[in-house]
Amino acid sequence: MAFAENLQQLPSIAHIAELQLFDNQGQLAATIPNAPGKIGSLTLYHALYAKHGRIDAEAAEEGLVLFAEHTADAKAHPGSHPNIDRLLEVIASGQGYTVTIIAKPETSAS
């Protein structure tokens, strides 16, 4: 399946403001905001976290499959898809990430 089709099968991220990735030393390594151009990556990383509890090599392998056609492009053009590059690095290094989900603030109806 193509990336767009894969995204349709994943849970909603409507409640998420951003996803934070922390390295093994507990340092913030990356954030993926709920913003145009990042929604696909946020959706995919959130689904991987929900299934695996962290972004480890197993989650990264699954992520590369879900990124579909973008994975081949990322391998051919390193740096053009940083969220895929990160998954490739997890597999190569064996070093994963813990995840923190930052929820969107609740809005009160007046």
N, C-alpha and C. Protein backbone atom coordinates (compact mmCIF):
# COMPACT_ATOMS: atom_id res chain seq x y z
N MET A 1 0.83 -1.19 0.00
CA MET A 1 0.00 0.00 0.00
C MET A 1 0.88 1.25 0.00
N ALA A 2 0.33 2.31 -0.50
CA ALA A 2 1.01 3.60 -0.53
C ALA A 2 0.91 4.27 0.85
N PHE A 3 1.79 5.22 1.09
CA PHE A 3 1.83 5.93 2.36
C PHE A 3 0.46 6.52 2.72
N ALA A 4 -0.18 7.20 1.78
CA ALA A 4 -1.48 7.82 2.05
C ALA A 4 -2.51 6.78 2.47
N GLU A 5 -2.50 5.62 1.84
CA GLU A 5 -3.42 4.55 2.22
C GLU A 5 -3.10 4.01 3.61
N ASN A 6 -1.82 3.88 3.90
CA ASN A 6 -1.41 3.40 5.22
C ASN A 6 -1.89 4.36 6.31
N LEU A 7 -1.77 5.66 6.07
CA LEU A 7 -2.18 6.64 7.08
C LEU A 7 -3.66 6.52 7.42
N GLN A 8 -4.47 6.19 6.43
CA GLN A 8 -5.91 6.08 6.67
C GLN A 8 -6.24 4.95 7.63
N GLN A 9 -5.33 4.00 7.79
CA GLN A 9 -5.56 2.86 8.69
C GLN A 9 -5.10 3.12 10.12
N LEU A 10 -4.46 4.27 10.36
CA LEU A 10 -3.85 4.55 11.66
C LEU A 10 -4.76 5.43 12.51
N PRO A 11 -4.59 5.38 13.85
CA PRO A 11 -5.44 6.16 14.75
C PRO A 11 -5.28 7.67 14.54
N SER A 12 -6.31 8.38 14.93
CA SER A 12 -6.34 9.84 14.83
C SER A 12 -5.29 10.47 15.75
N ILE A 13 -4.79 11.61 15.31
CA ILE A 13 -3.86 12.40 16.13
C ILE A 13 -4.48 13.75 16.49
N ALA A 14 -5.79 13.88 16.33
CA ALA A 14 -6.47 15.16 16.55
C ALA A 14 -6.21 15.73 17.95
N HIS A 15 -5.97 14.87 18.92
CA HIS A 15 -5.76 15.29 20.30
C HIS A 15 -4.30 15.64 20.63
N ILE A 16 -3.40 15.47 19.67
CA ILE A 16 -1.97 15.62 19.94
C ILE A 16 -1.45 16.97 19.42
N ALA A 17 -0.71 17.67 20.27
CA ALA A 17 -0.04 18.90 19.86
C ALA A 17 1.33 18.58 19.26
N GLU A 18 2.05 17.66 19.93
CA GLU A 18 3.35 17.21 19.41
C GLU A 18 3.76 15.92 20.07
N LEU A 19 4.69 15.26 19.42
CA LEU A 19 5.29 14.03 19.93
C LEU A 19 6.76 14.33 20.16
N GLN A 20 7.26 13.98 21.33
CA GLN A 20 8.66 14.22 21.67
C GLN A 20 9.40 12.89 21.76
N LEU A 21 10.61 12.87 21.20
CA LEU A 21 11.46 11.68 21.24
C LEU A 21 12.67 11.96 22.13
N PHE A 22 12.91 11.06 23.07
CA PHE A 22 14.03 11.19 24.00
C PHE A 22 15.01 10.05 23.79
N ASP A 23 16.31 10.39 23.77
CA ASP A 23 17.34 9.36 23.58
C ASP A 23 17.57 8.59 24.87
N ASN A 24 18.52 7.66 24.83
CA ASN A 24 18.79 6.79 25.99
C ASN A 24 19.34 7.54 27.19
N GLN A 25 19.83 8.76 26.99
CA GLN A 25 20.32 9.57 28.09
C GLN A 25 19.22 10.48 28.64
N GLY A 26 18.00 10.36 28.09
CA GLY A 26 16.90 11.19 28.55
C GLY A 26 16.87 12.58 27.95
N GLN A 27 17.70 12.81 26.94
CA GLN A 27 17.75 14.11 26.29
C GLN A 27 16.72 14.18 25.16
N LEU A 28 16.06 15.33 25.05
CA LEU A 28 15.12 15.54 23.95
C LEU A 28 15.89 15.51 22.65
N ALA A 29 15.58 14.56 21.79
CA ALA A 29 16.30 14.38 20.53
C ALA A 29 15.55 14.99 19.34
N ALA A 30 14.22 14.99 19.41
CA ALA A 30 13.43 15.50 18.29
C ALA A 30 12.00 15.71 18.74
N THR A 31 11.32 16.59 18.03
CA THR A 31 9.88 16.76 18.22
C THR A 31 9.23 16.69 16.84
N ILE A 32 8.02 16.16 16.84
CA ILE A 32 7.23 16.14 15.60
C ILE A 32 5.92 16.85 15.94
N PRO A 33 5.75 18.08 15.44
CA PRO A 33 4.54 18.84 15.77
C PRO A 33 3.35 18.42 14.92
N ASN A 34 2.17 18.72 15.42
CA ASN A 34 0.95 18.53 14.66
C ASN A 34 0.79 19.79 13.81
N ALA A 35 1.49 19.79 12.68
CA ALA A 35 1.54 20.95 11.81
C ALA A 35 1.60 20.50 10.35
N PRO A 36 1.16 21.35 9.45
CA PRO A 36 1.22 20.98 8.02
C PRO A 36 2.63 20.52 7.64
N GLY A 37 2.69 19.47 6.86
CA GLY A 37 3.97 18.91 6.44
C GLY A 37 4.54 17.89 7.40
N LYS A 38 3.96 17.80 8.60
CA LYS A 38 4.45 16.86 9.62
C LYS A 38 3.38 15.88 10.07
N ILE A 39 2.14 16.09 9.63
CA ILE A 39 1.02 15.29 10.12
C ILE A 39 1.18 13.81 9.80
N GLY A 40 1.67 13.48 8.61
CA GLY A 40 1.88 12.08 8.25
C GLY A 40 2.89 11.41 9.16
N SER A 41 4.02 12.08 9.39
CA SER A 41 5.04 11.51 10.28
C SER A 41 4.52 11.40 11.70
N LEU A 42 3.80 12.42 12.17
CA LEU A 42 3.25 12.38 13.52
C LEU A 42 2.28 11.21 13.65
N THR A 43 1.42 11.04 12.68
CA THR A 43 0.44 9.94 12.71
C THR A 43 1.16 8.60 12.78
N LEU A 44 2.18 8.43 11.96
CA LEU A 44 2.90 7.16 11.90
C LEU A 44 3.67 6.90 13.19
N TYR A 45 4.42 7.89 13.67
CA TYR A 45 5.19 7.71 14.91
C TYR A 45 4.24 7.45 16.09
N HIS A 46 3.11 8.14 16.13
CA HIS A 46 2.15 7.91 17.21
C HIS A 46 1.64 6.47 17.17
N ALA A 47 1.32 5.97 15.99
CA ALA A 47 0.85 4.58 15.86
C ALA A 47 1.93 3.59 16.28
N LEU A 48 3.17 3.85 15.91
CA LEU A 48 4.27 2.97 16.32
C LEU A 48 4.43 2.97 17.84
N TYR A 49 4.36 4.15 18.43
CA TYR A 49 4.46 4.26 19.89
C TYR A 49 3.30 3.53 20.57
N ALA A 50 2.09 3.70 20.05
CA ALA A 50 0.92 3.04 20.64
C ALA A 50 1.07 1.52 20.60
N LYS A 51 1.65 1.00 19.54
CA LYS A 51 1.80 -0.44 19.39
C LYS A 51 3.01 -0.99 20.16
N HIS A 52 4.14 -0.29 20.11
CA HIS A 52 5.40 -0.83 20.64
C HIS A 52 5.82 -0.23 21.99
N GLY A 53 5.22 0.90 22.38
CA GLY A 53 5.58 1.51 23.66
C GLY A 53 6.82 2.37 23.60
N ARG A 54 7.50 2.38 22.49
CA ARG A 54 8.71 3.19 22.25
C ARG A 54 9.07 3.06 20.78
N ILE A 55 10.05 3.80 20.34
CA ILE A 55 10.54 3.65 18.97
C ILE A 55 11.85 2.87 19.06
N ASP A 56 11.75 1.56 18.86
CA ASP A 56 12.92 0.68 18.87
C ASP A 56 13.12 0.11 17.48
N ALA A 57 14.05 -0.81 17.33
CA ALA A 57 14.35 -1.35 16.00
C ALA A 57 13.13 -2.02 15.37
N GLU A 58 12.35 -2.75 16.17
CA GLU A 58 11.16 -3.41 15.63
C GLU A 58 10.14 -2.38 15.14
N ALA A 59 9.93 -1.34 15.93
CA ALA A 59 9.00 -0.28 15.53
C ALA A 59 9.53 0.44 14.28
N ALA A 60 10.84 0.66 14.24
CA ALA A 60 11.44 1.35 13.09
C ALA A 60 11.27 0.55 11.81
N GLU A 61 11.46 -0.76 11.89
CA GLU A 61 11.25 -1.62 10.70
C GLU A 61 9.82 -1.49 10.20
N GLU A 62 8.87 -1.55 11.13
CA GLU A 62 7.47 -1.40 10.75
C GLU A 62 7.21 -0.02 10.15
N GLY A 63 7.82 0.99 10.74
CA GLY A 63 7.66 2.36 10.24
C GLY A 63 8.15 2.52 8.81
N LEU A 64 9.27 1.88 8.49
CA LEU A 64 9.79 1.97 7.11
C LEU A 64 8.82 1.35 6.12
N VAL A 65 8.16 0.27 6.52
CA VAL A 65 7.15 -0.34 5.65
C VAL A 65 5.97 0.62 5.48
N LEU A 66 5.53 1.23 6.57
CA LEU A 66 4.38 2.13 6.51
C LEU A 66 4.68 3.41 5.73
N PHE A 67 5.91 3.89 5.79
CA PHE A 67 6.28 5.08 5.01
C PHE A 67 6.29 4.76 3.51
N ALA A 68 6.24 3.49 3.17
CA ALA A 68 6.05 3.00 1.79
C ALA A 68 7.01 3.66 0.80
N GLU A 69 6.47 4.30 -0.21
CA GLU A 69 7.29 4.86 -1.29
C GLU A 69 8.28 5.92 -0.80
N HIS A 70 8.00 6.55 0.33
CA HIS A 70 8.90 7.57 0.85
C HIS A 70 10.19 6.97 1.41
N THR A 71 10.14 5.70 1.82
CA THR A 71 11.33 5.05 2.35
C THR A 71 12.41 4.91 1.29
N ALA A 72 12.03 4.48 0.09
CA ALA A 72 13.00 4.36 -1.00
C ALA A 72 13.59 5.72 -1.35
N ASP A 73 12.75 6.75 -1.36
CA ASP A 73 13.23 8.10 -1.66
C ASP A 73 14.20 8.59 -0.58
N ALA A 74 13.88 8.28 0.67
CA ALA A 74 14.76 8.69 1.77
C ALA A 74 16.13 8.01 1.68
N LYS A 75 16.13 6.73 1.29
CA LYS A 75 17.40 6.01 1.14
C LYS A 75 18.21 6.58 -0.03
N ALA A 76 17.53 6.99 -1.08
CA ALA A 76 18.22 7.55 -2.25
C ALA A 76 18.67 8.98 -2.03
N HIS A 77 18.00 9.69 -1.13
CA HIS A 77 18.30 11.11 -0.88
C HIS A 77 18.38 11.38 0.62
N PRO A 78 19.46 10.90 1.27
CA PRO A 78 19.59 11.12 2.72
C PRO A 78 19.44 12.59 3.09
N GLY A 79 18.69 12.83 4.15
CA GLY A 79 18.46 14.19 4.61
C GLY A 79 17.15 14.79 4.12
N SER A 80 16.57 14.20 3.10
CA SER A 80 15.34 14.75 2.55
C SER A 80 14.10 14.34 3.34
N HIS A 81 14.21 13.31 4.14
CA HIS A 81 13.10 12.81 4.96
C HIS A 81 13.64 12.52 6.37
N PRO A 82 13.82 13.54 7.19
CA PRO A 82 14.47 13.33 8.50
C PRO A 82 13.77 12.33 9.41
N ASN A 83 12.46 12.23 9.33
CA ASN A 83 11.76 11.28 10.21
C ASN A 83 11.95 9.84 9.76
N ILE A 84 12.20 9.64 8.48
CA ILE A 84 12.56 8.30 7.98
C ILE A 84 14.03 8.03 8.28
N ASP A 85 14.88 9.04 8.07
CA ASP A 85 16.31 8.90 8.40
C ASP A 85 16.47 8.47 9.85
N ARG A 86 15.65 9.03 10.73
CA ARG A 86 15.73 8.68 12.16
C ARG A 86 15.42 7.20 12.37
N LEU A 87 14.43 6.67 11.66
CA LEU A 87 14.11 5.24 11.79
C LEU A 87 15.25 4.37 11.26
N LEU A 88 15.85 4.79 10.16
CA LEU A 88 17.00 4.05 9.61
C LEU A 88 18.15 4.04 10.62
N GLU A 89 18.36 5.16 11.30
CA GLU A 89 19.42 5.25 12.30
C GLU A 89 19.13 4.36 13.50
N VAL A 90 17.88 4.28 13.91
CA VAL A 90 17.50 3.39 15.02
C VAL A 90 17.87 1.96 14.67
N ILE A 91 17.58 1.54 13.45
CA ILE A 91 17.90 0.18 13.03
C ILE A 91 19.41 -0.03 12.98
N ALA A 92 20.12 0.93 12.42
CA ALA A 92 21.58 0.81 12.27
C ALA A 92 22.30 0.81 13.62
N SER A 93 21.83 1.64 14.54
CA SER A 93 22.54 1.81 15.82
C SER A 93 21.99 0.90 16.93
N GLY A 94 20.73 0.48 16.79
CA GLY A 94 20.10 -0.26 17.87
C GLY A 94 19.66 0.63 19.02
N GLN A 95 19.84 1.93 18.87
CA GLN A 95 19.47 2.90 19.91
C GLN A 95 18.11 3.51 19.57
N GLY A 96 17.13 3.27 20.42
CA GLY A 96 15.79 3.76 20.17
C GLY A 96 15.47 5.02 20.95
N TYR A 97 14.20 5.32 21.02
CA TYR A 97 13.71 6.52 21.68
C TYR A 97 12.52 6.19 22.56
N THR A 98 12.44 6.87 23.69
CA THR A 98 11.20 6.88 24.44
C THR A 98 10.38 8.04 23.90
N VAL A 99 9.09 7.98 24.15
CA VAL A 99 8.16 8.94 23.54
C VAL A 99 7.32 9.60 24.62
N THR A 100 7.12 10.89 24.46
CA THR A 100 6.16 11.64 25.26
C THR A 100 5.19 12.30 24.31
N ILE A 101 3.91 12.15 24.60
CA ILE A 101 2.86 12.78 23.80
C ILE A 101 2.41 14.04 24.54
N ILE A 102 2.43 15.16 23.84
CA ILE A 102 1.94 16.41 24.39
C ILE A 102 0.54 16.64 23.80
N ALA A 103 -0.45 16.62 24.67
CA ALA A 103 -1.84 16.78 24.22
C ALA A 103 -2.13 18.24 23.89
N LYS A 104 -3.06 18.43 22.97
CA LYS A 104 -3.54 19.77 22.69
C LYS A 104 -4.30 20.27 23.92
N PRO A 105 -4.19 21.55 24.21
CA PRO A 105 -4.96 22.07 25.34
C PRO A 105 -6.46 21.91 25.07
N GLU A 106 -7.18 21.56 26.12
CA GLU A 106 -8.62 21.44 25.97
C GLU A 106 -9.21 22.84 25.87
N THR A 107 -10.16 22.97 24.97
CA THR A 107 -10.83 24.26 24.84
C THR A 107 -12.19 24.16 25.52
N SER A 108 -12.54 25.18 26.24
CA SER A 108 -13.84 25.15 26.92
C SER A 108 -14.86 25.89 26.07
N ALA A 109 -16.03 25.30 26.00
CA ALA A 109 -17.11 25.93 25.23
C ALA A 109 -17.77 26.99 26.09
N SER A 110 -18.04 28.13 25.50
CA SER A 110 -18.69 29.20 26.29
C SER A 110 -20.16 29.23 25.97
